[in-house]
Amino acid sequence: MPQVYIVDDSATTRASVDYTLAKAEYKVTACESGPDALAKIAASTEKIDLFICDVNMPEMDGIALVKEIRKIEKCKFTPILMLTTEAQESKKLEGKQAGASGWLVKPFNPDQLVEIVKRFVR
């Protein structure tokens, strides 16, 4: 079962993404912040197949988190989708330069999310 990490400070978003992906038979690890995600990545021995990260979070924003994830050897090439309210091209470019693989704008369509996740996780 593919392993997906969701990183979002909104409990509602984490729960809805978790529900959507669990229904599509993905194993989900929910993280409430960048530091929480980094701690869970460090503690995990499982292969992580995809990250879904918010941009606007306290402590560490999603762009900074992407940069940190890319420094981790086992996650260097793991796809990272940004799921955020941010839609400006400059923010998308910043995310791409940091190492993000794709960009989705909230609110998300559950069927569309699953289809996009399937493209990245084979």
PDB file of N, CA and C in Angstrom:
ATOM      1  N   MET A   1       0.848  -1.179   0.000  1.00  0.00           N
ATOM      2  CA  MET A   1       0.000   0.000   0.000  1.00  0.00           C
ATOM      3  C   MET A   1       0.898   1.249   0.000  1.00  0.00           C
ATOM      4  N   PRO A   2       0.725   2.141  -0.977  1.00  0.00           N
ATOM      5  CA  PRO A   2       1.579   3.337  -1.043  1.00  0.00           C
ATOM      6  C   PRO A   2       1.420   4.252   0.182  1.00  0.00           C
ATOM      7  N   GLN A   3       2.548   4.802   0.607  1.00  0.00           N
ATOM      8  CA  GLN A   3       2.621   5.657   1.797  1.00  0.00           C
ATOM      9  C   GLN A   3       2.636   7.128   1.386  1.00  0.00           C
ATOM     10  N   VAL A   4       1.652   7.905   1.866  1.00  0.00           N
ATOM     11  CA  VAL A   4       1.556   9.331   1.570  1.00  0.00           C
ATOM     12  C   VAL A   4       1.602  10.124   2.878  1.00  0.00           C
ATOM     13  N   TYR A   5       2.474  11.126   2.916  1.00  0.00           N
ATOM     14  CA  TYR A   5       2.531  12.042   4.063  1.00  0.00           C
ATOM     15  C   TYR A   5       1.754  13.307   3.716  1.00  0.00           C
ATOM     16  N   ILE A   6       0.862  13.710   4.614  1.00  0.00           N
ATOM     17  CA  ILE A   6       0.117  14.960   4.458  1.00  0.00           C
ATOM     18  C   ILE A   6       0.631  15.913   5.527  1.00  0.00           C
ATOM     19  N   VAL A   7       1.059  17.100   5.102  1.00  0.00           N
ATOM     20  CA  VAL A   7       1.571  18.091   6.051  1.00  0.00           C
ATOM     21  C   VAL A   7       0.728  19.352   5.908  1.00  0.00           C
ATOM     22  N   ASP A   8      -0.091  19.612   6.924  1.00  0.00           N
ATOM     23  CA  ASP A   8      -0.972  20.780   6.896  1.00  0.00           C
ATOM     24  C   ASP A   8      -1.335  21.139   8.328  1.00  0.00           C
ATOM     25  N   ASP A   9      -1.304  22.437   8.652  1.00  0.00           N
ATOM     26  CA  ASP A   9      -1.641  22.854  10.012  1.00  0.00           C
ATOM     27  C   ASP A   9      -3.148  22.824  10.268  1.00  0.00           C
ATOM     28  N   SER A  10      -3.956  22.658   9.235  1.00  0.00           N
ATOM     29  CA  SER A  10      -5.408  22.587   9.382  1.00  0.00           C
ATOM     30  C   SER A  10      -5.840  21.137   9.610  1.00  0.00           C
ATOM     31  N   ALA A  11      -6.431  20.884  10.779  1.00  0.00           N
ATOM     32  CA  ALA A  11      -6.908  19.534  11.101  1.00  0.00           C
ATOM     33  C   ALA A  11      -7.992  19.107  10.113  1.00  0.00           C
ATOM     34  N   THR A  12      -8.806  20.034   9.670  1.00  0.00           N
ATOM     35  CA  THR A  12      -9.875  19.734   8.716  1.00  0.00           C
ATOM     36  C   THR A  12      -9.301  19.273   7.380  1.00  0.00           C
ATOM     37  N   THR A  13      -8.284  19.982   6.899  1.00  0.00           N
ATOM     38  CA  THR A  13      -7.659  19.586   5.632  1.00  0.00           C
ATOM     39  C   THR A  13      -6.981  18.235   5.776  1.00  0.00           C
ATOM     40  N   ARG A  14      -6.242  18.034   6.862  1.00  0.00           N
ATOM     41  CA  ARG A  14      -5.586  16.735   7.079  1.00  0.00           C
ATOM     42  C   ARG A  14      -6.623  15.615   7.076  1.00  0.00           C
ATOM     43  N   ALA A  15      -7.727  15.821   7.772  1.00  0.00           N
ATOM     44  CA  ALA A  15      -8.761  14.786   7.869  1.00  0.00           C
ATOM     45  C   ALA A  15      -9.410  14.512   6.514  1.00  0.00           C
ATOM     46  N   SER A  16      -9.692  15.555   5.737  1.00  0.00           N
ATOM     47  CA  SER A  16     -10.369  15.329   4.451  1.00  0.00           C
ATOM     48  C   SER A  16      -9.430  14.681   3.431  1.00  0.00           C
ATOM     49  N   VAL A  17      -8.150  15.073   3.424  1.00  0.00           N
ATOM     50  CA  VAL A  17      -7.195  14.431   2.516  1.00  0.00           C
ATOM     51  C   VAL A  17      -6.966  12.983   2.952  1.00  0.00           C
ATOM     52  N   ASP A  18      -6.829  12.766   4.252  1.00  0.00           N
ATOM     53  CA  ASP A  18      -6.649  11.424   4.805  1.00  0.00           C
ATOM     54  C   ASP A  18      -7.823  10.528   4.390  1.00  0.00           C
ATOM     55  N   TYR A  19      -9.036  11.004   4.591  1.00  0.00           N
ATOM     56  CA  TYR A  19     -10.242  10.238   4.255  1.00  0.00           C
ATOM     57  C   TYR A  19     -10.265   9.897   2.754  1.00  0.00           C
ATOM     58  N   THR A  20     -10.006  10.903   1.926  1.00  0.00           N
ATOM     59  CA  THR A  20     -10.031  10.726   0.471  1.00  0.00           C
ATOM     60  C   THR A  20      -9.005   9.684   0.024  1.00  0.00           C
ATOM     61  N   LEU A  21      -7.778   9.791   0.539  1.00  0.00           N
ATOM     62  CA  LEU A  21      -6.719   8.871   0.108  1.00  0.00           C
ATOM     63  C   LEU A  21      -6.848   7.484   0.733  1.00  0.00           C
ATOM     64  N   ALA A  22      -7.308   7.410   1.966  1.00  0.00           N
ATOM     65  CA  ALA A  22      -7.499   6.111   2.610  1.00  0.00           C
ATOM     66  C   ALA A  22      -8.567   5.308   1.849  1.00  0.00           C
ATOM     67  N   LYS A  23      -9.613   5.996   1.401  1.00  0.00           N
ATOM     68  CA  LYS A  23     -10.677   5.360   0.612  1.00  0.00           C
ATOM     69  C   LYS A  23     -10.121   4.816  -0.706  1.00  0.00           C
ATOM     70  N   ALA A  24      -9.089   5.481  -1.233  1.00  0.00           N
ATOM     71  CA  ALA A  24      -8.451   5.050  -2.484  1.00  0.00           C
ATOM     72  C   ALA A  24      -7.297   4.074  -2.224  1.00  0.00           C
ATOM     73  N   GLU A  25      -7.215   3.585  -0.987  1.00  0.00           N
ATOM     74  CA  GLU A  25      -6.240   2.574  -0.569  1.00  0.00           C
ATOM     75  C   GLU A  25      -4.798   3.050  -0.518  1.00  0.00           C
ATOM     76  N   TYR A  26      -4.622   4.251   0.033  1.00  0.00           N
ATOM     77  CA  TYR A  26      -3.285   4.759   0.335  1.00  0.00           C
ATOM     78  C   TYR A  26      -3.122   4.772   1.843  1.00  0.00           C
ATOM     79  N   LYS A  27      -1.921   4.481   2.309  1.00  0.00           N
ATOM     80  CA  LYS A  27      -1.617   4.598   3.730  1.00  0.00           C
ATOM     81  C   LYS A  27      -1.207   6.048   3.961  1.00  0.00           C
ATOM     82  N   VAL A  28      -1.845   6.708   4.918  1.00  0.00           N
ATOM     83  CA  VAL A  28      -1.615   8.129   5.138  1.00  0.00           C
ATOM     84  C   VAL A  28      -0.979   8.377   6.503  1.00  0.00           C
ATOM     85  N   THR A  29       0.051   9.219   6.509  1.00  0.00           N
ATOM     86  CA  THR A  29       0.646   9.712   7.748  1.00  0.00           C
ATOM     87  C   THR A  29       0.374  11.206   7.770  1.00  0.00           C
ATOM     88  N   ALA A  30      -0.372  11.656   8.774  1.00  0.00           N
ATOM     89  CA  ALA A  30      -0.729  13.074   8.879  1.00  0.00           C
ATOM     90  C   ALA A  30       0.257  13.792   9.795  1.00  0.00           C
ATOM     91  N   CYS A  31       0.711  14.959   9.345  1.00  0.00           N
ATOM     92  CA  CYS A  31       1.667  15.769  10.092  1.00  0.00           C
ATOM     93  C   CYS A  31       1.093  17.178  10.207  1.00  0.00           C
ATOM     94  N   GLU A  32       1.170  17.768  11.403  1.00  0.00           N
ATOM     95  CA  GLU A  32       0.550  19.077  11.601  1.00  0.00           C
ATOM     96  C   GLU A  32       1.488  20.252  11.377  1.00  0.00           C
ATOM     97  N   SER A  33       2.767  19.963  11.095  1.00  0.00           N
ATOM     98  CA  SER A  33       3.727  21.052  10.859  1.00  0.00           C
ATOM     99  C   SER A  33       4.958  20.492  10.143  1.00  0.00           C
ATOM    100  N   GLY A  34       5.798  21.403   9.663  1.00  0.00           N
ATOM    101  CA  GLY A  34       7.055  20.984   9.046  1.00  0.00           C
ATOM    102  C   GLY A  34       7.936  20.199  10.000  1.00  0.00           C
ATOM    103  N   PRO A  35       8.187  20.739  11.214  1.00  0.00           N
ATOM    104  CA  PRO A  35       9.011  19.990  12.172  1.00  0.00           C
ATOM    105  C   PRO A  35       8.430  18.614  12.517  1.00  0.00           C
ATOM    106  N   ASP A  36       7.096  18.526  12.625  1.00  0.00           N
ATOM    107  CA  ASP A  36       6.440  17.247  12.897  1.00  0.00           C
ATOM    108  C   ASP A  36       6.714  16.267  11.753  1.00  0.00           C
ATOM    109  N   ALA A  37       6.604  16.752  10.514  1.00  0.00           N
ATOM    110  CA  ALA A  37       6.874  15.901   9.350  1.00  0.00           C
ATOM    111  C   ALA A  37       8.319  15.420   9.336  1.00  0.00           C
ATOM    112  N   LEU A  38       9.249  16.330   9.578  1.00  0.00           N
ATOM    113  CA  LEU A  38      10.670  15.956   9.570  1.00  0.00           C
ATOM    114  C   LEU A  38      10.979  14.916  10.643  1.00  0.00           C
ATOM    115  N   ALA A  39      10.350  15.046  11.808  1.00  0.00           N
ATOM    116  CA  ALA A  39      10.555  14.064  12.884  1.00  0.00           C
ATOM    117  C   ALA A  39       9.997  12.700  12.474  1.00  0.00           C
ATOM    118  N   LYS A  40       8.819  12.692  11.861  1.00  0.00           N
ATOM    119  CA  LYS A  40       8.207  11.426  11.439  1.00  0.00           C
ATOM    120  C   LYS A  40       8.986  10.786  10.289  1.00  0.00           C
ATOM    121  N   ILE A  41       9.523  11.600   9.385  1.00  0.00           N
ATOM    122  CA  ILE A  41      10.351  11.075   8.295  1.00  0.00           C
ATOM    123  C   ILE A  41      11.598  10.403   8.877  1.00  0.00           C
ATOM    124  N   ALA A  42      12.239  11.083   9.827  1.00  0.00           N
ATOM    125  CA  ALA A  42      13.462  10.553  10.447  1.00  0.00           C
ATOM    126  C   ALA A  42      13.195   9.239  11.180  1.00  0.00           C
ATOM    127  N   ALA A  43      12.009   9.114  11.786  1.00  0.00           N
ATOM    128  CA  ALA A  43      11.681   7.918  12.565  1.00  0.00           C
ATOM    129  C   ALA A  43      11.176   6.765  11.686  1.00  0.00           C
ATOM    130  N   SER A  44      10.787   7.065  10.460  1.00  0.00           N
ATOM    131  CA  SER A  44      10.182   6.058   9.588  1.00  0.00           C
ATOM    132  C   SER A  44      11.224   5.187   8.903  1.00  0.00           C
ATOM    133  N   THR A  45      10.902   3.905   8.835  1.00  0.00           N
ATOM    134  CA  THR A  45      11.750   2.982   8.080  1.00  0.00           C
ATOM    135  C   THR A  45      11.061   2.572   6.780  1.00  0.00           C
ATOM    136  N   GLU A  46       9.811   3.005   6.611  1.00  0.00           N
ATOM    137  CA  GLU A  46       9.049   2.679   5.407  1.00  0.00           C
ATOM    138  C   GLU A  46       9.407   3.616   4.262  1.00  0.00           C
ATOM    139  N   LYS A  47       9.199   3.129   3.045  1.00  0.00           N
ATOM    140  CA  LYS A  47       9.366   3.966   1.868  1.00  0.00           C
ATOM    141  C   LYS A  47       8.210   4.969   1.842  1.00  0.00           C
ATOM    142  N   ILE A  48       8.535   6.219   1.603  1.00  0.00           N
ATOM    143  CA  ILE A  48       7.510   7.254   1.479  1.00  0.00           C
ATOM    144  C   ILE A  48       7.335   7.498  -0.021  1.00  0.00           C
ATOM    145  N   ASP A  49       6.098   7.368  -0.496  1.00  0.00           N
ATOM    146  CA  ASP A  49       5.846   7.449  -1.934  1.00  0.00           C
ATOM    147  C   ASP A  49       5.472   8.854  -2.409  1.00  0.00           C
ATOM    148  N   LEU A  50       4.942   9.686  -1.511  1.00  0.00           N
ATOM    149  CA  LEU A  50       4.490  11.016  -1.903  1.00  0.00           C
ATOM    150  C   LEU A  50       4.299  11.886  -0.666  1.00  0.00           C
ATOM    151  N   PHE A  51       4.580  13.177  -0.833  1.00  0.00           N
ATOM    152  CA  PHE A  51       4.262  14.180   0.196  1.00  0.00           C
ATOM    153  C   PHE A  51       3.221  15.118  -0.378  1.00  0.00           C
ATOM    154  N   ILE A  52       2.264  15.533   0.456  1.00  0.00           N
ATOM    155  CA  ILE A  52       1.308  16.582   0.104  1.00  0.00           C
ATOM    156  C   ILE A  52       1.457  17.639   1.189  1.00  0.00           C
ATOM    157  N   CYS A  53       1.917  18.837   0.808  1.00  0.00           N
ATOM    158  CA  CYS A  53       2.245  19.876   1.790  1.00  0.00           C
ATOM    159  C   CYS A  53       1.481  21.172   1.547  1.00  0.00           C
ATOM    160  N   ASP A  54       1.064  21.788   2.632  1.00  0.00           N
ATOM    161  CA  ASP A  54       0.504  23.129   2.576  1.00  0.00           C
ATOM    162  C   ASP A  54       1.673  24.108   2.457  1.00  0.00           C
ATOM    163  N   VAL A  55       1.398  25.324   2.015  1.00  0.00           N
ATOM    164  CA  VAL A  55       2.439  26.345   1.950  1.00  0.00           C
ATOM    165  C   VAL A  55       2.442  27.181   3.225  1.00  0.00           C
ATOM    166  N   ASN A  56       1.277  27.703   3.587  1.00  0.00           N
ATOM    167  CA  ASN A  56       1.192  28.616   4.730  1.00  0.00           C
ATOM    168  C   ASN A  56       0.982  27.862   6.033  1.00  0.00           C
ATOM    169  N   MET A  57       2.082  27.665   6.766  1.00  0.00           N
ATOM    170  CA  MET A  57       2.031  26.991   8.063  1.00  0.00           C
ATOM    171  C   MET A  57       2.934  27.741   9.031  1.00  0.00           C
ATOM    172  N   PRO A  58       2.562  27.744  10.323  1.00  0.00           N
ATOM    173  CA  PRO A  58       3.452  28.367  11.308  1.00  0.00           C
ATOM    174  C   PRO A  58       4.707  27.504  11.504  1.00  0.00           C
ATOM    175  N   GLU A  59       5.678  28.018  12.166  1.00  0.00           N
ATOM    176  CA  GLU A  59       6.964  27.348  12.449  1.00  0.00           C
ATOM    177  C   GLU A  59       7.843  27.222  11.210  1.00  0.00           C
ATOM    178  N   MET A  60       7.330  26.544  10.174  1.00  0.00           N
ATOM    179  CA  MET A  60       8.096  26.319   8.943  1.00  0.00           C
ATOM    180  C   MET A  60       7.088  26.276   7.798  1.00  0.00           C
ATOM    181  N   ASP A  61       7.250  27.157   6.817  1.00  0.00           N
ATOM    182  CA  ASP A  61       6.293  27.121   5.714  1.00  0.00           C
ATOM    183  C   ASP A  61       6.611  25.952   4.778  1.00  0.00           C
ATOM    184  N   GLY A  62       5.672  25.675   3.869  1.00  0.00           N
ATOM    185  CA  GLY A  62       5.812  24.526   2.987  1.00  0.00           C
ATOM    186  C   GLY A  62       7.006  24.583   2.056  1.00  0.00           C
ATOM    187  N   ILE A  63       7.376  25.778   1.616  1.00  0.00           N
ATOM    188  CA  ILE A  63       8.538  25.923   0.721  1.00  0.00           C
ATOM    189  C   ILE A  63       9.821  25.536   1.466  1.00  0.00           C
ATOM    190  N   ALA A  64       9.949  26.019   2.704  1.00  0.00           N
ATOM    191  CA  ALA A  64      11.112  25.657   3.533  1.00  0.00           C
ATOM    192  C   ALA A  64      11.122  24.153   3.806  1.00  0.00           C
ATOM    193  N   LEU A  65       9.935  23.585   4.026  1.00  0.00           N
ATOM    194  CA  LEU A  65       9.848  22.142   4.278  1.00  0.00           C
ATOM    195  C   LEU A  65      10.299  21.351   3.051  1.00  0.00           C
ATOM    196  N   VAL A  66       9.879  21.768   1.871  1.00  0.00           N
ATOM    197  CA  VAL A  66      10.303  21.084   0.635  1.00  0.00           C
ATOM    198  C   VAL A  66      11.827  21.078   0.539  1.00  0.00           C
ATOM    199  N   LYS A  67      12.449  22.209   0.824  1.00  0.00           N
ATOM    200  CA  LYS A  67      13.918  22.293   0.777  1.00  0.00           C
ATOM    201  C   LYS A  67      14.552  21.318   1.759  1.00  0.00           C
ATOM    202  N   GLU A  68      13.962  21.203   2.961  1.00  0.00           N
ATOM    203  CA  GLU A  68      14.497  20.276   3.973  1.00  0.00           C
ATOM    204  C   GLU A  68      14.298  18.819   3.547  1.00  0.00           C
ATOM    205  N   ILE A  69      13.116  18.512   2.992  1.00  0.00           N
ATOM    206  CA  ILE A  69      12.850  17.141   2.532  1.00  0.00           C
ATOM    207  C   ILE A  69      13.848  16.746   1.447  1.00  0.00           C
ATOM    208  N   ARG A  70      14.158  17.653   0.549  1.00  0.00           N
ATOM    209  CA  ARG A  70      15.087  17.360  -0.552  1.00  0.00           C
ATOM    210  C   ARG A  70      16.509  17.085  -0.056  1.00  0.00           C
ATOM    211  N   LYS A  71      16.833  17.507   1.165  1.00  0.00           N
ATOM    212  CA  LYS A  71      18.162  17.240   1.743  1.00  0.00           C
ATOM    213  C   LYS A  71      18.252  15.828   2.323  1.00  0.00           C
ATOM    214  N   ILE A  72      17.110  15.174   2.520  1.00  0.00           N
ATOM    215  CA  ILE A  72      17.080  13.839   3.125  1.00  0.00           C
ATOM    216  C   ILE A  72      17.302  12.805   2.023  1.00  0.00           C
ATOM    217  N   GLU A  73      18.336  12.016   2.169  1.00  0.00           N
ATOM    218  CA  GLU A  73      18.739  11.073   1.117  1.00  0.00           C
ATOM    219  C   GLU A  73      17.585  10.198   0.624  1.00  0.00           C
ATOM    220  N   LYS A  74      16.820   9.592   1.535  1.00  0.00           N
ATOM    221  CA  LYS A  74      15.755   8.671   1.112  1.00  0.00           C
ATOM    222  C   LYS A  74      14.559   9.391   0.478  1.00  0.00           C
ATOM    223  N   CYS A  75      14.517  10.721   0.573  1.00  0.00           N
ATOM    224  CA  CYS A  75      13.391  11.490   0.028  1.00  0.00           C
ATOM    225  C   CYS A  75      13.790  12.408  -1.125  1.00  0.00           C
ATOM    226  N   LYS A  76      15.032  12.310  -1.531  1.00  0.00           N
ATOM    227  CA  LYS A  76      15.571  13.212  -2.549  1.00  0.00           C
ATOM    228  C   LYS A  76      14.719  13.272  -3.822  1.00  0.00           C
ATOM    229  N   PHE A  77      14.168  12.111  -4.213  1.00  0.00           N
ATOM    230  CA  PHE A  77      13.401  12.046  -5.457  1.00  0.00           C
ATOM    231  C   PHE A  77      11.920  11.722  -5.234  1.00  0.00           C
ATOM    232  N   THR A  78      11.471  11.767  -3.980  1.00  0.00           N
ATOM    233  CA  THR A  78      10.064  11.508  -3.665  1.00  0.00           C
ATOM    234  C   THR A  78       9.218  12.682  -4.162  1.00  0.00           C
ATOM    235  N   PRO A  79       8.138  12.428  -4.904  1.00  0.00           N
ATOM    236  CA  PRO A  79       7.295  13.535  -5.370  1.00  0.00           C
ATOM    237  C   PRO A  79       6.685  14.323  -4.207  1.00  0.00           C
ATOM    238  N   ILE A  80       6.593  15.630  -4.389  1.00  0.00           N
ATOM    239  CA  ILE A  80       5.992  16.515  -3.384  1.00  0.00           C
ATOM    240  C   ILE A  80       4.959  17.389  -4.083  1.00  0.00           C
ATOM    241  N   LEU A  81       3.707  17.242  -3.671  1.00  0.00           N
ATOM    242  CA  LEU A  81       2.630  18.083  -4.179  1.00  0.00           C
ATOM    243  C   LEU A  81       2.325  19.167  -3.161  1.00  0.00           C
ATOM    244  N   MET A  82       2.171  20.381  -3.618  1.00  0.00           N
ATOM    245  CA  MET A  82       1.763  21.469  -2.740  1.00  0.00           C
ATOM    246  C   MET A  82       0.241  21.585  -2.855  1.00  0.00           C
ATOM    247  N   LEU A  83      -0.456  21.555  -1.725  1.00  0.00           N
ATOM    248  CA  LEU A  83      -1.913  21.710  -1.688  1.00  0.00           C
ATOM    249  C   LEU A  83      -2.184  22.941  -0.836  1.00  0.00           C
ATOM    250  N   THR A  84      -2.566  24.036  -1.473  1.00  0.00           N
ATOM    251  CA  THR A  84      -2.576  25.320  -0.794  1.00  0.00           C
ATOM    252  C   THR A  84      -3.627  26.266  -1.360  1.00  0.00           C
ATOM    253  N   THR A  85      -3.883  27.339  -0.645  1.00  0.00           N
ATOM    254  CA  THR A  85      -4.774  28.386  -1.150  1.00  0.00           C
ATOM    255  C   THR A  85      -4.013  29.340  -2.066  1.00  0.00           C
ATOM    256  N   GLU A  86      -2.689  29.255  -2.064  1.00  0.00           N
ATOM    257  CA  GLU A  86      -1.846  30.137  -2.879  1.00  0.00           C
ATOM    258  C   GLU A  86      -1.947  29.762  -4.354  1.00  0.00           C
ATOM    259  N   ALA A  87      -2.240  30.733  -5.200  1.00  0.00           N
ATOM    260  CA  ALA A  87      -2.374  30.436  -6.622  1.00  0.00           C
ATOM    261  C   ALA A  87      -1.488  31.319  -7.503  1.00  0.00           C
ATOM    262  N   GLN A  88      -0.708  32.230  -6.893  1.00  0.00           N
ATOM    263  CA  GLN A  88       0.132  33.135  -7.694  1.00  0.00           C
ATOM    264  C   GLN A  88       1.253  32.366  -8.386  1.00  0.00           C
ATOM    265  N   GLU A  89       1.527  32.769  -9.628  1.00  0.00           N
ATOM    266  CA  GLU A  89       2.599  32.134 -10.404  1.00  0.00           C
ATOM    267  C   GLU A  89       3.951  32.256  -9.703  1.00  0.00           C
ATOM    268  N   SER A  90       4.199  33.397  -9.042  1.00  0.00           N
ATOM    269  CA  SER A  90       5.490  33.590  -8.364  1.00  0.00           C
ATOM    270  C   SER A  90       5.667  32.571  -7.236  1.00  0.00           C
ATOM    271  N   LYS A  91       4.584  32.252  -6.532  1.00  0.00           N
ATOM    272  CA  LYS A  91       4.647  31.278  -5.440  1.00  0.00           C
ATOM    273  C   LYS A  91       4.859  29.872  -6.012  1.00  0.00           C
ATOM    274  N   LYS A  92       4.173  29.582  -7.116  1.00  0.00           N
ATOM    275  CA  LYS A  92       4.342  28.273  -7.766  1.00  0.00           C
ATOM    276  C   LYS A  92       5.785  28.088  -8.241  1.00  0.00           C
ATOM    277  N   LEU A  93       6.360  29.143  -8.805  1.00  0.00           N
ATOM    278  CA  LEU A  93       7.743  29.092  -9.271  1.00  0.00           C
ATOM    279  C   LEU A  93       8.686  28.874  -8.095  1.00  0.00           C
ATOM    280  N   GLU A  94       8.431  29.567  -6.995  1.00  0.00           N
ATOM    281  CA  GLU A  94       9.242  29.399  -5.783  1.00  0.00           C
ATOM    282  C   GLU A  94       9.178  27.943  -5.307  1.00  0.00           C
ATOM    283  N   GLY A  95       7.984  27.371  -5.344  1.00  0.00           N
ATOM    284  CA  GLY A  95       7.820  25.970  -4.944  1.00  0.00           C
ATOM    285  C   GLY A  95       8.562  25.026  -5.872  1.00  0.00           C
ATOM    286  N   LYS A  96       8.459  25.268  -7.163  1.00  0.00           N
ATOM    287  CA  LYS A  96       9.146  24.426  -8.150  1.00  0.00           C
ATOM    288  C   LYS A  96      10.659  24.500  -7.965  1.00  0.00           C
ATOM    289  N   GLN A  97      11.170  25.725  -7.742  1.00  0.00           N
ATOM    290  CA  GLN A  97      12.615  25.893  -7.535  1.00  0.00           C
ATOM    291  C   GLN A  97      13.084  25.202  -6.262  1.00  0.00           C
ATOM    292  N   ALA A  98      12.198  25.115  -5.259  1.00  0.00           N
ATOM    293  CA  ALA A  98      12.551  24.438  -4.003  1.00  0.00           C
ATOM    294  C   ALA A  98      12.561  22.922  -4.170  1.00  0.00           C
ATOM    295  N   GLY A  99      11.832  22.423  -5.197  1.00  0.00           N
ATOM    296  CA  GLY A  99      11.801  20.985  -5.429  1.00  0.00           C
ATOM    297  C   GLY A  99      10.413  20.373  -5.449  1.00  0.00           C
ATOM    298  N   ALA A 100       9.364  21.206  -5.430  1.00  0.00           N
ATOM    299  CA  ALA A 100       7.997  20.670  -5.493  1.00  0.00           C
ATOM    300  C   ALA A 100       7.726  20.092  -6.872  1.00  0.00           C
ATOM    301  N   SER A 101       6.959  19.019  -6.909  1.00  0.00           N
ATOM    302  CA  SER A 101       6.660  18.315  -8.156  1.00  0.00           C
ATOM    303  C   SER A 101       5.368  18.790  -8.808  1.00  0.00           C
ATOM    304  N   GLY A 102       4.463  19.348  -7.997  1.00  0.00           N
ATOM    305  CA  GLY A 102       3.177  19.780  -8.524  1.00  0.00           C
ATOM    306  C   GLY A 102       2.494  20.734  -7.566  1.00  0.00           C
ATOM    307  N   TRP A 103       1.402  21.362  -8.019  1.00  0.00           N
ATOM    308  CA  TRP A 103       0.726  22.413  -7.259  1.00  0.00           C
ATOM    309  C   TRP A 103      -0.778  22.257  -7.416  1.00  0.00           C
ATOM    310  N   LEU A 104      -1.486  22.110  -6.314  1.00  0.00           N
ATOM    311  CA  LEU A 104      -2.946  22.023  -6.313  1.00  0.00           C
ATOM    312  C   LEU A 104      -3.495  23.141  -5.436  1.00  0.00           C
ATOM    313  N   VAL A 105      -4.597  23.737  -5.872  1.00  0.00           N
ATOM    314  CA  VAL A 105      -5.182  24.834  -5.104  1.00  0.00           C
ATOM    315  C   VAL A 105      -6.401  24.340  -4.332  1.00  0.00           C
ATOM    316  N   LYS A 106      -6.462  24.716  -3.036  1.00  0.00           N
ATOM    317  CA  LYS A 106      -7.616  24.404  -2.194  1.00  0.00           C
ATOM    318  C   LYS A 106      -8.757  25.344  -2.558  1.00  0.00           C
ATOM    319  N   PRO A 107      -9.990  24.921  -2.376  1.00  0.00           N
ATOM    320  CA  PRO A 107     -10.406  23.588  -1.942  1.00  0.00           C
ATOM    321  C   PRO A 107     -10.194  22.573  -3.068  1.00  0.00           C
ATOM    322  N   PHE A 108      -9.909  21.341  -2.701  1.00  0.00           N
ATOM    323  CA  PHE A 108      -9.622  20.329  -3.711  1.00  0.00           C
ATOM    324  C   PHE A 108     -10.852  19.483  -4.002  1.00  0.00           C
ATOM    325  N   ASN A 109     -10.858  18.940  -5.214  1.00  0.00           N
ATOM    326  CA  ASN A 109     -11.886  17.992  -5.618  1.00  0.00           C
ATOM    327  C   ASN A 109     -11.337  16.603  -5.288  1.00  0.00           C
ATOM    328  N   PRO A 110     -12.024  15.810  -4.455  1.00  0.00           N
ATOM    329  CA  PRO A 110     -11.484  14.504  -4.048  1.00  0.00           C
ATOM    330  C   PRO A 110     -11.108  13.588  -5.217  1.00  0.00           C
ATOM    331  N   ASP A 111     -11.953  13.505  -6.240  1.00  0.00           N
ATOM    332  CA  ASP A 111     -11.645  12.634  -7.381  1.00  0.00           C
ATOM    333  C   ASP A 111     -10.406  13.117  -8.128  1.00  0.00           C
ATOM    334  N   GLN A 112     -10.299  14.441  -8.281  1.00  0.00           N
ATOM    335  CA  GLN A 112      -9.143  15.025  -8.953  1.00  0.00           C
ATOM    336  C   GLN A 112      -7.870  14.749  -8.145  1.00  0.00           C
ATOM    337  N   LEU A 113      -7.954  14.888  -6.816  1.00  0.00           N
ATOM    338  CA  LEU A 113      -6.791  14.625  -5.957  1.00  0.00           C
ATOM    339  C   LEU A 113      -6.310  13.186  -6.149  1.00  0.00           C
ATOM    340  N   VAL A 114      -7.231  12.243  -6.121  1.00  0.00           N
ATOM    341  CA  VAL A 114      -6.856  10.831  -6.279  1.00  0.00           C
ATOM    342  C   VAL A 114      -6.210  10.600  -7.646  1.00  0.00           C
ATOM    343  N   GLU A 115      -6.769  11.187  -8.695  1.00  0.00           N
ATOM    344  CA  GLU A 115      -6.201  11.034 -10.040  1.00  0.00           C
ATOM    345  C   GLU A 115      -4.776  11.596 -10.113  1.00  0.00           C
ATOM    346  N   ILE A 116      -4.559  12.748  -9.501  1.00  0.00           N
ATOM    347  CA  ILE A 116      -3.226  13.354  -9.513  1.00  0.00           C
ATOM    348  C   ILE A 116      -2.245  12.512  -8.699  1.00  0.00           C
ATOM    349  N   VAL A 117      -2.687  12.031  -7.542  1.00  0.00           N
ATOM    350  CA  VAL A 117      -1.826  11.178  -6.715  1.00  0.00           C
ATOM    351  C   VAL A 117      -1.439   9.919  -7.504  1.00  0.00           C
ATOM    352  N   LYS A 118      -2.386   9.348  -8.230  1.00  0.00           N
ATOM    353  CA  LYS A 118      -2.099   8.149  -9.029  1.00  0.00           C
ATOM    354  C   LYS A 118      -1.021   8.405 -10.083  1.00  0.00           C
ATOM    355  N   ARG A 119      -0.975   9.627 -10.614  1.00  0.00           N
ATOM    356  CA  ARG A 119       0.049   9.958 -11.609  1.00  0.00           C
ATOM    357  C   ARG A 119       1.452   9.937 -11.006  1.00  0.00           C
ATOM    358  N   PHE A 120       1.548  10.299  -9.743  1.00  0.00           N
ATOM    359  CA  PHE A 120       2.854  10.370  -9.077  1.00  0.00           C
ATOM    360  C   PHE A 120       3.242   9.084  -8.368  1.00  0.00           C
ATOM    361  N   VAL A 121       2.248   8.302  -7.953  1.00  0.00           N
ATOM    362  CA  VAL A 121       2.509   7.072  -7.198  1.00  0.00           C
ATOM    363  C   VAL A 121       2.045   5.896  -8.041  1.00  0.00           C
ATOM    364  N   ARG A 122       2.990   5.108  -8.481  1.00  0.00           N
ATOM    365  CA  ARG A 122       2.649   3.956  -9.348  1.00  0.00           C
ATOM    366  C   ARG A 122       2.674   2.671  -8.581  1.00  0.00           C
TER     367      ARG A 122
END
